[in-house]
Amino acid sequence: MSVVFIVVPLAALIVLAAVIAFVVSARRGQFDDLDTPPVRMLNDDYAARKPESRDGVTEN
């Protein structure tokens, strides 16, 4: 039972350190994506569609 008095505060301290590290790194822009925005314009938002006839049937 005495181990609980050591492990629980130690675990809380580790979690607090991880949260502080995450917040600091997020504020400094560590997680900003610098590679995707220049390439995003090269990717189409939708697949190229085949032309459809007037009755709504796709032509081959």
C-alpha atoms as a PDB file:
ATOM      1  CA  MET A   1       0.000   0.000   0.000  1.00  0.00           C
ATOM      2  CA  SER A   2       2.886   2.364   0.649  1.00  0.00           C
ATOM      3  CA  VAL A   3       3.966   2.004  -2.980  1.00  0.00           C
ATOM      4  CA  VAL A   4       0.757   3.754  -4.062  1.00  0.00           C
ATOM      5  CA  PHE A   5       1.823   6.872  -2.177  1.00  0.00           C
ATOM      6  CA  ILE A   6       4.971   6.969  -4.301  1.00  0.00           C
ATOM      7  CA  VAL A   7       3.655   5.854  -7.694  1.00  0.00           C
ATOM      8  CA  VAL A   8       0.531   8.036  -7.947  1.00  0.00           C
ATOM      9  CA  PRO A   9       2.287  11.377  -7.343  1.00  0.00           C
ATOM     10  CA  LEU A  10       5.133  10.276  -9.608  1.00  0.00           C
ATOM     11  CA  ALA A  11       2.659   9.402 -12.376  1.00  0.00           C
ATOM     12  CA  ALA A  12       0.877  12.729 -11.903  1.00  0.00           C
ATOM     13  CA  LEU A  13       4.212  14.525 -12.141  1.00  0.00           C
ATOM     14  CA  ILE A  14       5.087  12.701 -15.380  1.00  0.00           C
ATOM     15  CA  VAL A  15       1.672  13.517 -16.896  1.00  0.00           C
ATOM     16  CA  LEU A  16       2.045  17.170 -15.889  1.00  0.00           C
ATOM     17  CA  ALA A  17       5.499  17.298 -17.492  1.00  0.00           C
ATOM     18  CA  ALA A  18       4.132  15.756 -20.704  1.00  0.00           C
ATOM     19  CA  VAL A  19       1.252  18.245 -20.874  1.00  0.00           C
ATOM     20  CA  ILE A  20       3.605  21.179 -20.293  1.00  0.00           C
ATOM     21  CA  ALA A  21       5.988  19.888 -22.981  1.00  0.00           C
ATOM     22  CA  PHE A  22       3.107  19.531 -25.447  1.00  0.00           C
ATOM     23  CA  VAL A  23       1.751  23.018 -24.773  1.00  0.00           C
ATOM     24  CA  VAL A  24       5.188  24.630 -25.102  1.00  0.00           C
ATOM     25  CA  SER A  25       5.975  22.809 -28.343  1.00  0.00           C
ATOM     26  CA  ALA A  26       2.543  23.604 -29.806  1.00  0.00           C
ATOM     27  CA  ARG A  27       2.923  27.304 -29.029  1.00  0.00           C
ATOM     28  CA  ARG A  28       6.348  27.378 -30.666  1.00  0.00           C
ATOM     29  CA  GLY A  29       4.927  25.886 -33.869  1.00  0.00           C
ATOM     30  CA  GLN A  30       6.589  22.502 -33.600  1.00  0.00           C
ATOM     31  CA  PHE A  31       3.522  20.755 -35.031  1.00  0.00           C
ATOM     32  CA  ASP A  32       2.964  23.120 -37.956  1.00  0.00           C
ATOM     33  CA  ASP A  33       2.871  21.327 -41.286  1.00  0.00           C
ATOM     34  CA  LEU A  34       5.327  22.992 -43.645  1.00  0.00           C
ATOM     35  CA  ASP A  35       5.362  20.344 -46.393  1.00  0.00           C
ATOM     36  CA  THR A  36       1.701  19.815 -47.283  1.00  0.00           C
ATOM     37  CA  PRO A  37       0.487  23.356 -48.156  1.00  0.00           C
ATOM     38  CA  PRO A  38       2.785  23.827 -51.196  1.00  0.00           C
ATOM     39  CA  VAL A  39       1.845  20.378 -52.520  1.00  0.00           C
ATOM     40  CA  ARG A  40      -1.881  20.600 -51.771  1.00  0.00           C
ATOM     41  CA  MET A  41      -2.611  22.507 -54.964  1.00  0.00           C
ATOM     42  CA  LEU A  42      -1.250  19.597 -57.000  1.00  0.00           C
ATOM     43  CA  ASN A  43      -3.815  17.144 -55.627  1.00  0.00           C
ATOM     44  CA  ASP A  44      -7.305  17.214 -57.072  1.00  0.00           C
ATOM     45  CA  ASP A  45     -10.208  17.394 -54.668  1.00  0.00           C
ATOM     46  CA  TYR A  46     -12.145  14.908 -56.726  1.00  0.00           C
ATOM     47  CA  ALA A  47     -11.347  12.210 -59.265  1.00  0.00           C
ATOM     48  CA  ALA A  48     -11.673  13.022 -62.949  1.00  0.00           C
ATOM     49  CA  ARG A  49     -15.166  12.158 -64.075  1.00  0.00           C
ATOM     50  CA  LYS A  50     -16.207  10.595 -67.330  1.00  0.00           C
ATOM     51  CA  PRO A  51     -18.597  12.710 -69.389  1.00  0.00           C
ATOM     52  CA  GLU A  52     -22.257  11.857 -68.920  1.00  0.00           C
ATOM     53  CA  SER A  53     -24.900  11.820 -71.609  1.00  0.00           C
ATOM     54  CA  ARG A  54     -28.158  13.752 -71.329  1.00  0.00           C
ATOM     55  CA  ASP A  55     -30.031  10.807 -69.803  1.00  0.00           C
ATOM     56  CA  GLY A  56     -27.496  10.542 -66.937  1.00  0.00           C
ATOM     57  CA  VAL A  57     -25.769   7.397 -68.161  1.00  0.00           C
ATOM     58  CA  THR A  58     -21.975   7.431 -68.223  1.00  0.00           C
ATOM     59  CA  GLU A  59     -20.526   7.036 -71.687  1.00  0.00           C
ATOM     60  CA  ASN A  60     -17.634   4.667 -72.385  1.00  0.00           C
END
